[in-house]
Amino acid sequence: MLPIRDNVRSRSFPIVNWGLIVVSVLVFLLEQAIEFGVGGGAFQRFLTLFGLVPSNFSLLNPLSYISVFSSMFLHGGWFHLISNMWILYIFGDNVEDRMGSLRYLVFYLASGVAAGMTHVIFASGSSLPTIGASGAIAGILGAYMILYPRARVVTLIPLFIFPWFIEIPALFYLGIWFLTQISSGLLSIGAMMPFGGIAWWAHIGGFVFGLLLVRFFARRPQVYTHWQPEDYWSA
């Protein structure tokens, strides 16, 4: 199911949300320059240095903490980048609207940290770098589920060769998404790179963080305004 848009209008310009998107795109362009300009070996070293490698993580190593944050802004391909940024674009503006820009930025980064630490716990023996924003974005989805349970998400469902657009309650859409992460995460336990290397537990950790801590960050009253008609872990 591909979300197209939600029906909740942001009351303010989501400057941080757009900033996160722009920074992620610029970092990806840097990745492309390294991979195709310098070479694949340099690119792999770059991912190992700035991606989150569970087996290398140490609470006593300051560089480990840097990788937790830097890994949020790395992506493994155009599809990985675009899919993450599209989800952030749809859901992030409303969460920023409720939290305010500074609290939203802190919340996003904290969600990414929670996601990364969850992945380290469940894939502690993996030497593959974990990259991607979706752990942090999962925290945004968890927050959105609490803040806008009555919102609706216009969703594209491929029906054979015909596109089918349907409005789905956000509570249902995000609930189904979370259940797929849980089921995939349980199946992935014990595997080093299951299902193409997707870091399911990073998604779960970020989402649960968003669910539990959103109320500490959200300060603005809720108002509904409707629209008018691989070789790395991916997170």
C-alpha atoms as a PDB file:
ATOM      1  CA  MET A   1       0.000   0.000   0.000  1.00  0.00           C
ATOM      2  CA  LEU A   2       1.511   3.301  -1.118  1.00  0.00           C
ATOM      3  CA  PRO A   3       0.329   6.415   0.745  1.00  0.00           C
ATOM      4  CA  ILE A   4      -0.417   9.342  -1.552  1.00  0.00           C
ATOM      5  CA  ARG A   5      -1.428  12.021   0.961  1.00  0.00           C
ATOM      6  CA  ASP A   6      -3.283  12.507   4.204  1.00  0.00           C
ATOM      7  CA  ASN A   7      -6.234  14.819   4.790  1.00  0.00           C
ATOM      8  CA  VAL A   8      -4.774  16.921   7.591  1.00  0.00           C
ATOM      9  CA  ARG A   9      -3.448  20.315   6.610  1.00  0.00           C
ATOM     10  CA  SER A  10      -0.417  21.703   8.407  1.00  0.00           C
ATOM     11  CA  ARG A  11      -0.967  25.173   9.876  1.00  0.00           C
ATOM     12  CA  SER A  12       2.687  26.215   9.572  1.00  0.00           C
ATOM     13  CA  PHE A  13       5.506  25.684   7.109  1.00  0.00           C
ATOM     14  CA  PRO A  14       7.382  22.491   8.134  1.00  0.00           C
ATOM     15  CA  ILE A  15      10.862  23.964   7.880  1.00  0.00           C
ATOM     16  CA  VAL A  16      12.598  21.182   9.828  1.00  0.00           C
ATOM     17  CA  ASN A  17      10.826  18.448   7.913  1.00  0.00           C
ATOM     18  CA  TRP A  18      11.908  19.981   4.621  1.00  0.00           C
ATOM     19  CA  GLY A  19      15.392  20.495   6.045  1.00  0.00           C
ATOM     20  CA  LEU A  20      15.674  16.794   6.887  1.00  0.00           C
ATOM     21  CA  ILE A  21      14.594  15.896   3.360  1.00  0.00           C
ATOM     22  CA  VAL A  22      17.086  18.291   1.768  1.00  0.00           C
ATOM     23  CA  VAL A  23      19.976  17.120   3.958  1.00  0.00           C
ATOM     24  CA  SER A  24      19.176  13.469   3.208  1.00  0.00           C
ATOM     25  CA  VAL A  25      19.158  14.163  -0.529  1.00  0.00           C
ATOM     26  CA  LEU A  26      22.454  16.074  -0.366  1.00  0.00           C
ATOM     27  CA  VAL A  27      24.103  13.292   1.624  1.00  0.00           C
ATOM     28  CA  PHE A  28      22.869  10.756  -0.905  1.00  0.00           C
ATOM     29  CA  LEU A  29      24.370  12.808  -3.735  1.00  0.00           C
ATOM     30  CA  LEU A  30      27.657  12.720  -1.816  1.00  0.00           C
ATOM     31  CA  GLU A  31      27.320   8.946  -1.589  1.00  0.00           C
ATOM     32  CA  GLN A  32      26.805   8.765  -5.325  1.00  0.00           C
ATOM     33  CA  ALA A  33      29.890  10.894  -5.934  1.00  0.00           C
ATOM     34  CA  ILE A  34      31.982   8.602  -3.750  1.00  0.00           C
ATOM     35  CA  GLU A  35      30.598   5.389  -5.229  1.00  0.00           C
ATOM     36  CA  PHE A  36      30.909   6.367  -8.879  1.00  0.00           C
ATOM     37  CA  GLY A  37      33.675   8.952  -8.647  1.00  0.00           C
ATOM     38  CA  VAL A  38      36.123   7.273  -6.298  1.00  0.00           C
ATOM     39  CA  GLY A  39      35.108   3.628  -6.483  1.00  0.00           C
ATOM     40  CA  GLY A  40      33.126   0.859  -4.835  1.00  0.00           C
ATOM     41  CA  GLY A  41      35.839   0.084  -2.289  1.00  0.00           C
ATOM     42  CA  ALA A  42      35.851   3.647  -1.006  1.00  0.00           C
ATOM     43  CA  PHE A  43      32.061   3.607  -0.899  1.00  0.00           C
ATOM     44  CA  GLN A  44      31.992   0.469   1.247  1.00  0.00           C
ATOM     45  CA  ARG A  45      34.525   2.007   3.628  1.00  0.00           C
ATOM     46  CA  PHE A  46      32.359   5.128   3.767  1.00  0.00           C
ATOM     47  CA  LEU A  47      29.285   3.046   4.691  1.00  0.00           C
ATOM     48  CA  THR A  48      31.213   1.097   7.313  1.00  0.00           C
ATOM     49  CA  LEU A  49      32.526   4.304   8.870  1.00  0.00           C
ATOM     50  CA  PHE A  50      29.284   6.286   8.928  1.00  0.00           C
ATOM     51  CA  GLY A  51      26.719   3.479   8.933  1.00  0.00           C
ATOM     52  CA  LEU A  52      25.718   1.789  12.178  1.00  0.00           C
ATOM     53  CA  VAL A  53      27.549  -1.554  12.423  1.00  0.00           C
ATOM     54  CA  PRO A  54      26.027  -3.546  15.320  1.00  0.00           C
ATOM     55  CA  SER A  55      29.073  -5.746  15.939  1.00  0.00           C
ATOM     56  CA  ASN A  56      31.329  -2.668  16.142  1.00  0.00           C
ATOM     57  CA  PHE A  57      29.110  -0.663  18.451  1.00  0.00           C
ATOM     58  CA  SER A  58      30.556   0.065  21.874  1.00  0.00           C
ATOM     59  CA  LEU A  59      29.137   2.229  24.635  1.00  0.00           C
ATOM     60  CA  LEU A  60      32.697   3.314  25.403  1.00  0.00           C
ATOM     61  CA  ASN A  61      33.541   4.381  21.848  1.00  0.00           C
ATOM     62  CA  PRO A  62      32.481   7.963  20.961  1.00  0.00           C
ATOM     63  CA  LEU A  63      32.626   7.103  17.239  1.00  0.00           C
ATOM     64  CA  SER A  64      29.807   4.610  17.788  1.00  0.00           C
ATOM     65  CA  TYR A  65      27.500   7.447  18.777  1.00  0.00           C
ATOM     66  CA  ILE A  66      28.444   9.444  15.709  1.00  0.00           C
ATOM     67  CA  SER A  67      27.481   6.506  13.502  1.00  0.00           C
ATOM     68  CA  VAL A  68      24.068   6.284  15.180  1.00  0.00           C
ATOM     69  CA  PHE A  69      23.265   9.784  13.935  1.00  0.00           C
ATOM     70  CA  SER A  70      25.093   9.717  10.591  1.00  0.00           C
ATOM     71  CA  SER A  71      23.449   6.436   9.581  1.00  0.00           C
ATOM     72  CA  MET A  72      20.030   8.163   9.610  1.00  0.00           C
ATOM     73  CA  PHE A  73      21.029  10.295   6.636  1.00  0.00           C
ATOM     74  CA  LEU A  74      22.545   7.559   4.450  1.00  0.00           C
ATOM     75  CA  HIS A  75      20.609   5.554   1.868  1.00  0.00           C
ATOM     76  CA  GLY A  76      21.406   2.578  -0.309  1.00  0.00           C
ATOM     77  CA  GLY A  77      19.803   3.645  -3.579  1.00  0.00           C
ATOM     78  CA  TRP A  78      17.351   5.999  -5.220  1.00  0.00           C
ATOM     79  CA  PHE A  79      14.326   3.876  -4.332  1.00  0.00           C
ATOM     80  CA  HIS A  80      15.444   3.638  -0.706  1.00  0.00           C
ATOM     81  CA  LEU A  81      15.869   7.416  -0.533  1.00  0.00           C
ATOM     82  CA  ILE A  82      12.687   8.398  -2.377  1.00  0.00           C
ATOM     83  CA  SER A  83      10.437   5.974  -0.487  1.00  0.00           C
ATOM     84  CA  ASN A  84      11.720   7.198   2.890  1.00  0.00           C
ATOM     85  CA  MET A  85      11.513  10.865   1.971  1.00  0.00           C
ATOM     86  CA  TRP A  86       8.008  10.457   0.551  1.00  0.00           C
ATOM     87  CA  ILE A  87       6.740   8.982   3.817  1.00  0.00           C
ATOM     88  CA  LEU A  88       8.473  11.734   5.765  1.00  0.00           C
ATOM     89  CA  TYR A  89       6.932  14.349   3.474  1.00  0.00           C
ATOM     90  CA  ILE A  90       3.405  13.008   3.989  1.00  0.00           C
ATOM     91  CA  PHE A  91       3.417  12.476   7.748  1.00  0.00           C
ATOM     92  CA  GLY A  92       6.219  14.637   9.123  1.00  0.00           C
ATOM     93  CA  ASP A  93       4.723  18.066   8.493  1.00  0.00           C
ATOM     94  CA  ASN A  94       1.716  17.414  10.716  1.00  0.00           C
ATOM     95  CA  VAL A  95       3.843  16.045  13.561  1.00  0.00           C
ATOM     96  CA  GLU A  96       6.125  19.078  13.335  1.00  0.00           C
ATOM     97  CA  ASP A  97       3.037  21.291  13.375  1.00  0.00           C
ATOM     98  CA  ARG A  98       1.960  19.796  16.705  1.00  0.00           C
ATOM     99  CA  MET A  99       5.417  19.754  18.303  1.00  0.00           C
ATOM    100  CA  GLY A 100       7.014  22.901  16.977  1.00  0.00           C
ATOM    101  CA  SER A 101      10.167  22.844  14.898  1.00  0.00           C
ATOM    102  CA  LEU A 102      12.833  22.457  17.587  1.00  0.00           C
ATOM    103  CA  ARG A 103      11.023  19.745  19.537  1.00  0.00           C
ATOM    104  CA  TYR A 104      10.274  17.973  16.265  1.00  0.00           C
ATOM    105  CA  LEU A 105      13.960  17.912  15.339  1.00  0.00           C
ATOM    106  CA  VAL A 106      14.905  16.504  18.750  1.00  0.00           C
ATOM    107  CA  PHE A 107      12.104  13.959  18.520  1.00  0.00           C
ATOM    108  CA  TYR A 108      13.186  12.838  15.028  1.00  0.00           C
ATOM    109  CA  LEU A 109      16.796  12.348  16.069  1.00  0.00           C
ATOM    110  CA  ALA A 110      15.786  10.625  19.311  1.00  0.00           C
ATOM    111  CA  SER A 111      13.527   8.263  17.363  1.00  0.00           C
ATOM    112  CA  GLY A 112      16.472   7.422  15.126  1.00  0.00           C
ATOM    113  CA  VAL A 113      18.646   6.702  18.152  1.00  0.00           C
ATOM    114  CA  ALA A 114      15.972   4.461  19.671  1.00  0.00           C
ATOM    115  CA  ALA A 115      15.614   2.646  16.353  1.00  0.00           C
ATOM    116  CA  GLY A 116      19.364   2.185  15.994  1.00  0.00           C
ATOM    117  CA  MET A 117      19.799   0.875  19.529  1.00  0.00           C
ATOM    118  CA  THR A 118      16.938  -1.572  19.059  1.00  0.00           C
ATOM    119  CA  HIS A 119      18.618  -2.883  15.920  1.00  0.00           C
ATOM    120  CA  VAL A 120      21.964  -3.208  17.729  1.00  0.00           C
ATOM    121  CA  ILE A 121      20.283  -5.322  20.409  1.00  0.00           C
ATOM    122  CA  PHE A 122      18.523  -7.665  17.992  1.00  0.00           C
ATOM    123  CA  ALA A 123      21.358  -7.916  15.440  1.00  0.00           C
ATOM    124  CA  SER A 124      24.345  -7.570  17.735  1.00  0.00           C
ATOM    125  CA  GLY A 125      26.477 -10.019  15.754  1.00  0.00           C
ATOM    126  CA  SER A 126      25.981  -8.365  12.379  1.00  0.00           C
ATOM    127  CA  SER A 127      28.974  -6.727  10.707  1.00  0.00           C
ATOM    128  CA  LEU A 128      26.820  -5.093   8.029  1.00  0.00           C
ATOM    129  CA  PRO A 129      26.372  -1.313   8.181  1.00  0.00           C
ATOM    130  CA  THR A 130      22.837  -0.147   8.877  1.00  0.00           C
ATOM    131  CA  ILE A 131      21.755   2.884   6.872  1.00  0.00           C
ATOM    132  CA  GLY A 132      18.508   4.718   6.265  1.00  0.00           C
ATOM    133  CA  ALA A 133      16.060   7.171   7.780  1.00  0.00           C
ATOM    134  CA  SER A 134      13.131   4.814   8.225  1.00  0.00           C
ATOM    135  CA  GLY A 135      13.905   4.037  11.876  1.00  0.00           C
ATOM    136  CA  ALA A 136      13.567   7.736  12.684  1.00  0.00           C
ATOM    137  CA  ILE A 137      10.597   8.021  10.332  1.00  0.00           C
ATOM    138  CA  ALA A 138       8.952   5.112  12.155  1.00  0.00           C
ATOM    139  CA  GLY A 139       9.008   7.302  15.264  1.00  0.00           C
ATOM    140  CA  ILE A 140       7.173   9.977  13.287  1.00  0.00           C
ATOM    141  CA  LEU A 141       4.584   7.386  12.232  1.00  0.00           C
ATOM    142  CA  GLY A 142       4.080   6.308  15.845  1.00  0.00           C
ATOM    143  CA  ALA A 143       3.590   9.932  16.857  1.00  0.00           C
ATOM    144  CA  TYR A 144       1.183  10.538  13.975  1.00  0.00           C
ATOM    145  CA  MET A 145      -0.884   7.526  15.020  1.00  0.00           C
ATOM    146  CA  ILE A 146      -1.381   9.055  18.485  1.00  0.00           C
ATOM    147  CA  LEU A 147      -1.829  12.670  17.396  1.00  0.00           C
ATOM    148  CA  TYR A 148      -4.088  12.092  14.381  1.00  0.00           C
ATOM    149  CA  PRO A 149      -5.981   8.821  14.915  1.00  0.00           C
ATOM    150  CA  ARG A 150      -9.014  10.152  13.015  1.00  0.00           C
ATOM    151  CA  ALA A 151      -7.037  11.292   9.970  1.00  0.00           C
ATOM    152  CA  ARG A 152      -7.405   9.467   6.690  1.00  0.00           C
ATOM    153  CA  VAL A 153      -4.702   8.430   4.257  1.00  0.00           C
ATOM    154  CA  VAL A 154      -5.315   8.273   0.517  1.00  0.00           C
ATOM    155  CA  THR A 155      -3.618   5.031  -0.457  1.00  0.00           C
ATOM    156  CA  LEU A 156      -2.707   3.464  -3.780  1.00  0.00           C
ATOM    157  CA  ILE A 157      -3.394  -0.264  -3.911  1.00  0.00           C
ATOM    158  CA  PRO A 158      -2.262  -1.993  -7.136  1.00  0.00           C
ATOM    159  CA  LEU A 159      -5.086  -4.208  -8.376  1.00  0.00           C
ATOM    160  CA  PHE A 160      -3.482  -6.285 -11.108  1.00  0.00           C
ATOM    161  CA  ILE A 161      -2.599  -3.596 -13.689  1.00  0.00           C
ATOM    162  CA  PHE A 162      -5.170  -1.085 -12.431  1.00  0.00           C
ATOM    163  CA  PRO A 163      -4.404   1.497  -9.711  1.00  0.00           C
ATOM    164  CA  TRP A 164      -6.996   1.641  -6.942  1.00  0.00           C
ATOM    165  CA  PHE A 165      -7.110   4.724  -4.713  1.00  0.00           C
ATOM    166  CA  ILE A 166      -8.844   4.382  -1.372  1.00  0.00           C
ATOM    167  CA  GLU A 167      -9.067   6.461   1.793  1.00  0.00           C
ATOM    168  CA  ILE A 168      -7.927   4.462   4.798  1.00  0.00           C
ATOM    169  CA  PRO A 169      -8.150   5.607   8.432  1.00  0.00           C
ATOM    170  CA  ALA A 170      -4.657   6.495   9.646  1.00  0.00           C
ATOM    171  CA  LEU A 171      -5.131   4.307  12.714  1.00  0.00           C
ATOM    172  CA  PHE A 172      -5.797   1.301  10.475  1.00  0.00           C
ATOM    173  CA  TYR A 173      -3.084   2.109   7.932  1.00  0.00           C
ATOM    174  CA  LEU A 174      -0.354   2.591  10.523  1.00  0.00           C
ATOM    175  CA  GLY A 175      -1.591  -0.333  12.607  1.00  0.00           C
ATOM    176  CA  ILE A 176      -1.286  -2.675   9.627  1.00  0.00           C
ATOM    177  CA  TRP A 177       2.151  -1.251   8.851  1.00  0.00           C
ATOM    178  CA  PHE A 178       3.327  -1.897  12.415  1.00  0.00           C
ATOM    179  CA  LEU A 179       1.974  -5.445  12.441  1.00  0.00           C
ATOM    180  CA  THR A 180       3.948  -6.225   9.270  1.00  0.00           C
ATOM    181  CA  GLN A 181       7.093  -4.933  10.967  1.00  0.00           C
ATOM    182  CA  ILE A 182       6.431  -7.084  14.047  1.00  0.00           C
ATOM    183  CA  SER A 183       5.796 -10.241  12.032  1.00  0.00           C
ATOM    184  CA  SER A 184       8.849  -9.681   9.833  1.00  0.00           C
ATOM    185  CA  GLY A 185      10.973  -8.838  12.866  1.00  0.00           C
ATOM    186  CA  LEU A 186      10.007 -12.034  14.646  1.00  0.00           C
ATOM    187  CA  LEU A 187      10.834 -14.065  11.538  1.00  0.00           C
ATOM    188  CA  SER A 188      14.185 -12.312  11.228  1.00  0.00           C
ATOM    189  CA  ILE A 189      15.447 -13.197  14.710  1.00  0.00           C
ATOM    190  CA  GLY A 190      18.649 -15.170  14.400  1.00  0.00           C
ATOM    191  CA  ALA A 191      19.226 -14.267  10.758  1.00  0.00           C
ATOM    192  CA  MET A 192      22.078 -11.941   9.863  1.00  0.00           C
ATOM    193  CA  MET A 193      20.521 -10.368   6.759  1.00  0.00           C
ATOM    194  CA  PRO A 194      16.888 -11.466   6.400  1.00  0.00           C
ATOM    195  CA  PHE A 195      14.506 -10.313   3.734  1.00  0.00           C
ATOM    196  CA  GLY A 196      17.086  -8.357   1.759  1.00  0.00           C
ATOM    197  CA  GLY A 197      18.730  -6.896   4.855  1.00  0.00           C
ATOM    198  CA  ILE A 198      15.838  -4.765   6.087  1.00  0.00           C
ATOM    199  CA  ALA A 199      16.299  -3.703   9.705  1.00  0.00           C
ATOM    200  CA  TRP A 200      12.805  -4.581  10.903  1.00  0.00           C
ATOM    201  CA  TRP A 201      13.636  -4.112  14.576  1.00  0.00           C
ATOM    202  CA  ALA A 202      14.893  -0.595  13.916  1.00  0.00           C
ATOM    203  CA  HIS A 203      11.433   0.191  12.532  1.00  0.00           C
ATOM    204  CA  ILE A 204       9.783  -1.411  15.555  1.00  0.00           C
ATOM    205  CA  GLY A 205      11.999   0.420  18.034  1.00  0.00           C
ATOM    206  CA  GLY A 206      11.427   3.777  16.378  1.00  0.00           C
ATOM    207  CA  PHE A 207       7.665   3.282  16.162  1.00  0.00           C
ATOM    208  CA  VAL A 208       7.317   2.228  19.811  1.00  0.00           C
ATOM    209  CA  PHE A 209       9.440   5.199  20.863  1.00  0.00           C
ATOM    210  CA  GLY A 210       7.105   7.495  18.931  1.00  0.00           C
ATOM    211  CA  LEU A 211       4.018   5.924  20.470  1.00  0.00           C
ATOM    212  CA  LEU A 212       5.266   6.185  24.030  1.00  0.00           C
ATOM    213  CA  LEU A 213       7.017   9.554  24.060  1.00  0.00           C
ATOM    214  CA  VAL A 214       5.038  11.707  21.643  1.00  0.00           C
ATOM    215  CA  ARG A 215       3.087  13.314  24.495  1.00  0.00           C
ATOM    216  CA  PHE A 216       6.308  14.661  26.002  1.00  0.00           C
ATOM    217  CA  PHE A 217       7.032  16.534  22.777  1.00  0.00           C
ATOM    218  CA  ALA A 218       3.593  17.560  21.506  1.00  0.00           C
ATOM    219  CA  ARG A 219       2.473  20.821  23.042  1.00  0.00           C
ATOM    220  CA  ARG A 220       0.045  22.355  20.583  1.00  0.00           C
ATOM    221  CA  PRO A 221      -3.705  21.647  20.641  1.00  0.00           C
ATOM    222  CA  GLN A 222      -5.061  19.225  18.078  1.00  0.00           C
ATOM    223  CA  VAL A 223      -7.035  20.838  15.241  1.00  0.00           C
ATOM    224  CA  TYR A 224      -8.192  18.939  12.156  1.00  0.00           C
ATOM    225  CA  THR A 225      -8.313  20.757   8.847  1.00  0.00           C
ATOM    226  CA  HIS A 226      -9.152  18.573   5.864  1.00  0.00           C
ATOM    227  CA  TRP A 227      -7.774  18.888   2.373  1.00  0.00           C
ATOM    228  CA  GLN A 228     -10.000  19.907  -0.403  1.00  0.00           C
ATOM    229  CA  PRO A 229     -10.405  17.517  -3.235  1.00  0.00           C
ATOM    230  CA  GLU A 230      21.747  -5.605  -0.721  1.00  0.00           C
ATOM    231  CA  ASP A 231      25.112  -5.153   1.188  1.00  0.00           C
ATOM    232  CA  TYR A 232      23.808  -3.158   4.018  1.00  0.00           C
ATOM    233  CA  TRP A 233      20.821  -3.089   6.305  1.00  0.00           C
ATOM    234  CA  SER A 234      18.076  -0.788   5.072  1.00  0.00           C
ATOM    235  CA  ALA A 235      16.286   1.261   7.683  1.00  0.00           C
END
